Amino acid sequence: MDVEDNLKKLQSSFSYASSACAAAEARYLAMTREGAAPAALARARFAWRQFEARKDAIIERMVALEELEAGTTA
């Protein structure tokens, strides 16, 4: 599989993670306004942070692939 195909797959994964992250953040913030139980808030915050971490990991992989591609075309 070439670099372009990998980048397209990573972009798709990033889009999903970004949408899920926004939804998880909105859920967490809504729960804080509603006065949810501390354990429920902790779970919601954890889910939100996991999507944030997933986005960061995908970005790192995209940058590495782009650097690899730049190195092979230079």
N, C-alpha and C. Protein backbone atom coordinates (compact mmCIF):
# COMPACT_ATOMS: atom_id res chain seq x y z
N MET A 1 0.86 -1.17 0.00
CA MET A 1 0.00 0.00 0.00
C MET A 1 0.90 1.24 0.00
N ASP A 2 0.54 2.20 -0.79
CA ASP A 2 1.40 3.37 -0.88
C ASP A 2 1.04 4.42 0.16
N VAL A 3 1.86 5.43 0.23
CA VAL A 3 1.73 6.47 1.24
C VAL A 3 0.40 7.22 1.11
N GLU A 4 0.01 7.52 -0.12
CA GLU A 4 -1.24 8.25 -0.34
C GLU A 4 -2.45 7.48 0.19
N ASP A 5 -2.48 6.18 -0.04
CA ASP A 5 -3.58 5.36 0.48
C ASP A 5 -3.59 5.37 2.00
N ASN A 6 -2.41 5.26 2.59
CA ASN A 6 -2.31 5.30 4.06
C ASN A 6 -2.79 6.65 4.60
N LEU A 7 -2.40 7.72 3.93
CA LEU A 7 -2.82 9.05 4.38
C LEU A 7 -4.33 9.20 4.29
N LYS A 8 -4.93 8.69 3.23
CA LYS A 8 -6.38 8.77 3.09
C LYS A 8 -7.08 8.01 4.22
N LYS A 9 -6.57 6.84 4.56
CA LYS A 9 -7.15 6.06 5.65
C LYS A 9 -6.99 6.79 6.99
N LEU A 10 -5.82 7.39 7.18
CA LEU A 10 -5.60 8.13 8.42
C LEU A 10 -6.50 9.37 8.50
N GLN A 11 -6.71 10.02 7.36
CA GLN A 11 -7.60 11.18 7.35
C GLN A 11 -9.02 10.78 7.71
N SER A 12 -9.44 9.64 7.20
CA SER A 12 -10.76 9.13 7.53
C SER A 12 -10.85 8.80 9.03
N SER A 13 -9.83 8.16 9.55
CA SER A 13 -9.79 7.84 10.98
C SER A 13 -9.79 9.11 11.83
N PHE A 14 -9.06 10.11 11.37
CA PHE A 14 -9.01 11.38 12.10
C PHE A 14 -10.38 12.04 12.11
N SER A 15 -11.06 12.01 10.99
CA SER A 15 -12.39 12.60 10.90
C SER A 15 -13.34 11.93 11.90
N TYR A 16 -13.30 10.61 11.95
CA TYR A 16 -14.14 9.88 12.90
C TYR A 16 -13.76 10.24 14.33
N ALA A 17 -12.49 10.22 14.64
CA ALA A 17 -12.03 10.52 16.01
C ALA A 17 -12.38 11.95 16.39
N SER A 18 -12.27 12.86 15.46
CA SER A 18 -12.59 14.25 15.73
C SER A 18 -14.07 14.43 16.04
N SER A 19 -14.92 13.78 15.25
CA SER A 19 -16.36 13.85 15.49
C SER A 19 -16.72 13.21 16.83
N ALA A 20 -16.13 12.06 17.09
CA ALA A 20 -16.41 11.36 18.35
C ALA A 20 -15.91 12.19 19.54
N CYS A 21 -14.78 12.84 19.36
CA CYS A 21 -14.22 13.68 20.43
C CYS A 21 -15.15 14.85 20.74
N ALA A 22 -15.65 15.49 19.69
CA ALA A 22 -16.56 16.62 19.89
C ALA A 22 -17.83 16.16 20.59
N ALA A 23 -18.34 15.02 20.20
CA ALA A 23 -19.55 14.49 20.84
C ALA A 23 -19.28 14.13 22.29
N ALA A 24 -18.14 13.52 22.56
CA ALA A 24 -17.80 13.14 23.93
C ALA A 24 -17.60 14.38 24.80
N GLU A 25 -16.99 15.40 24.24
CA GLU A 25 -16.80 16.64 25.00
C GLU A 25 -18.16 17.28 25.31
N ALA A 26 -19.04 17.33 24.31
CA ALA A 26 -20.37 17.90 24.52
C ALA A 26 -21.13 17.12 25.58
N ARG A 27 -21.01 15.81 25.54
CA ARG A 27 -21.69 14.97 26.53
C ARG A 27 -21.14 15.27 27.94
N TYR A 28 -19.83 15.34 28.04
CA TYR A 28 -19.21 15.63 29.34
C TYR A 28 -19.67 16.99 29.87
N LEU A 29 -19.64 18.00 29.01
CA LEU A 29 -20.04 19.34 29.46
C LEU A 29 -21.52 19.38 29.85
N ALA A 30 -22.35 18.67 29.11
CA ALA A 30 -23.77 18.60 29.47
C ALA A 30 -23.95 17.92 30.82
N MET A 31 -23.19 16.87 31.03
CA MET A 31 -23.29 16.16 32.31
C MET A 31 -22.84 17.03 33.47
N THR A 32 -21.84 17.88 33.26
CA THR A 32 -21.40 18.76 34.34
C THR A 32 -22.49 19.78 34.67
N ARG A 33 -23.16 20.28 33.64
CA ARG A 33 -24.24 21.25 33.88
C ARG A 33 -25.43 20.59 34.57
N GLU A 34 -25.65 19.31 34.28
CA GLU A 34 -26.78 18.59 34.87
C GLU A 34 -26.48 18.10 36.28
N GLY A 35 -25.24 18.21 36.69
CA GLY A 35 -24.86 17.76 38.03
C GLY A 35 -24.81 16.25 38.15
N ALA A 36 -24.26 15.61 37.14
CA ALA A 36 -24.16 14.14 37.14
C ALA A 36 -23.26 13.66 38.28
N ALA A 37 -23.42 12.41 38.60
CA ALA A 37 -22.61 11.79 39.66
C ALA A 37 -21.13 11.85 39.30
N PRO A 38 -20.27 11.99 40.30
CA PRO A 38 -18.83 12.08 40.04
C PRO A 38 -18.28 10.90 39.22
N ALA A 39 -18.74 9.71 39.49
CA ALA A 39 -18.24 8.54 38.75
C ALA A 39 -18.64 8.64 37.27
N ALA A 40 -19.86 9.08 37.00
CA ALA A 40 -20.31 9.23 35.62
C ALA A 40 -19.51 10.33 34.92
N LEU A 41 -19.24 11.40 35.63
CA LEU A 41 -18.42 12.48 35.06
C LEU A 41 -17.01 11.99 34.74
N ALA A 42 -16.46 11.21 35.63
CA ALA A 42 -15.10 10.68 35.42
C ALA A 42 -15.07 9.79 34.18
N ARG A 43 -16.09 8.96 34.01
CA ARG A 43 -16.14 8.09 32.83
C ARG A 43 -16.28 8.90 31.55
N ALA A 44 -17.13 9.92 31.59
CA ALA A 44 -17.34 10.76 30.41
C ALA A 44 -16.07 11.54 30.06
N ARG A 45 -15.41 12.05 31.09
CA ARG A 45 -14.16 12.79 30.84
C ARG A 45 -13.08 11.85 30.29
N PHE A 46 -13.03 10.64 30.82
CA PHE A 46 -12.06 9.66 30.34
C PHE A 46 -12.30 9.34 28.86
N ALA A 47 -13.55 9.15 28.48
CA ALA A 47 -13.88 8.86 27.08
C ALA A 47 -13.47 10.02 26.19
N TRP A 48 -13.75 11.23 26.63
CA TRP A 48 -13.38 12.42 25.87
C TRP A 48 -11.87 12.47 25.70
N ARG A 49 -11.12 12.25 26.76
CA ARG A 49 -9.65 12.29 26.69
C ARG A 49 -9.08 11.17 25.82
N GLN A 50 -9.75 10.03 25.80
CA GLN A 50 -9.28 8.95 24.93
C GLN A 50 -9.39 9.34 23.46
N PHE A 51 -10.48 9.99 23.10
CA PHE A 51 -10.62 10.44 21.71
C PHE A 51 -9.60 11.52 21.38
N GLU A 52 -9.31 12.39 22.35
CA GLU A 52 -8.26 13.41 22.15
C GLU A 52 -6.91 12.73 21.89
N ALA A 53 -6.61 11.72 22.68
CA ALA A 53 -5.34 11.00 22.51
C ALA A 53 -5.31 10.29 21.17
N ARG A 54 -6.44 9.73 20.75
CA ARG A 54 -6.52 9.05 19.46
C ARG A 54 -6.25 10.04 18.33
N LYS A 55 -6.84 11.23 18.41
CA LYS A 55 -6.59 12.26 17.40
C LYS A 55 -5.11 12.61 17.34
N ASP A 56 -4.49 12.79 18.50
CA ASP A 56 -3.06 13.13 18.55
C ASP A 56 -2.21 12.03 17.93
N ALA A 57 -2.54 10.78 18.21
CA ALA A 57 -1.79 9.65 17.65
C ALA A 57 -1.93 9.60 16.13
N ILE A 58 -3.11 9.87 15.64
CA ILE A 58 -3.33 9.86 14.19
C ILE A 58 -2.54 10.98 13.53
N ILE A 59 -2.55 12.15 14.15
CA ILE A 59 -1.78 13.27 13.60
C ILE A 59 -0.30 12.92 13.54
N GLU A 60 0.21 12.30 14.58
CA GLU A 60 1.63 11.90 14.59
C GLU A 60 1.92 10.93 13.45
N ARG A 61 1.03 9.99 13.22
CA ARG A 61 1.23 9.03 12.14
C ARG A 61 1.16 9.70 10.78
N MET A 62 0.26 10.67 10.63
CA MET A 62 0.15 11.40 9.36
C MET A 62 1.42 12.20 9.09
N VAL A 63 1.93 12.86 10.11
CA VAL A 63 3.16 13.65 9.95
C VAL A 63 4.31 12.73 9.57
N ALA A 64 4.41 11.58 10.23
CA ALA A 64 5.49 10.64 9.92
C ALA A 64 5.39 10.15 8.49
N LEU A 65 4.18 9.86 8.03
CA LEU A 65 4.00 9.41 6.65
C LEU A 65 4.36 10.51 5.65
N GLU A 66 3.95 11.74 5.96
CA GLU A 66 4.28 12.85 5.07
C GLU A 66 5.78 13.08 5.01
N GLU A 67 6.45 12.95 6.16
CA GLU A 67 7.91 13.09 6.18
C GLU A 67 8.56 11.96 5.39
N LEU A 68 8.04 10.76 5.52
CA LEU A 68 8.55 9.62 4.76
C LEU A 68 8.39 9.86 3.28
N GLU A 69 7.24 10.34 2.89
CA GLU A 69 6.98 10.62 1.47
C GLU A 69 7.90 11.71 0.98
N ALA A 70 8.11 12.76 1.76
CA ALA A 70 8.99 13.85 1.36
C ALA A 70 10.43 13.35 1.22
N GLY A 71 10.83 12.42 2.09
CA GLY A 71 12.17 11.86 2.02
C GLY A 71 12.38 10.99 0.80
N THR A 72 11.35 10.30 0.37
CA THR A 72 11.49 9.41 -0.79
C THR A 72 11.38 10.17 -2.10
N THR A 73 10.77 11.35 -2.09
CA THR A 73 10.63 12.12 -3.33
C THR A 73 11.74 13.15 -3.46
N ALA A 74 12.49 13.38 -2.40
CA ALA A 74 13.56 14.39 -2.46
C ALA A 74 14.79 13.84 -3.13
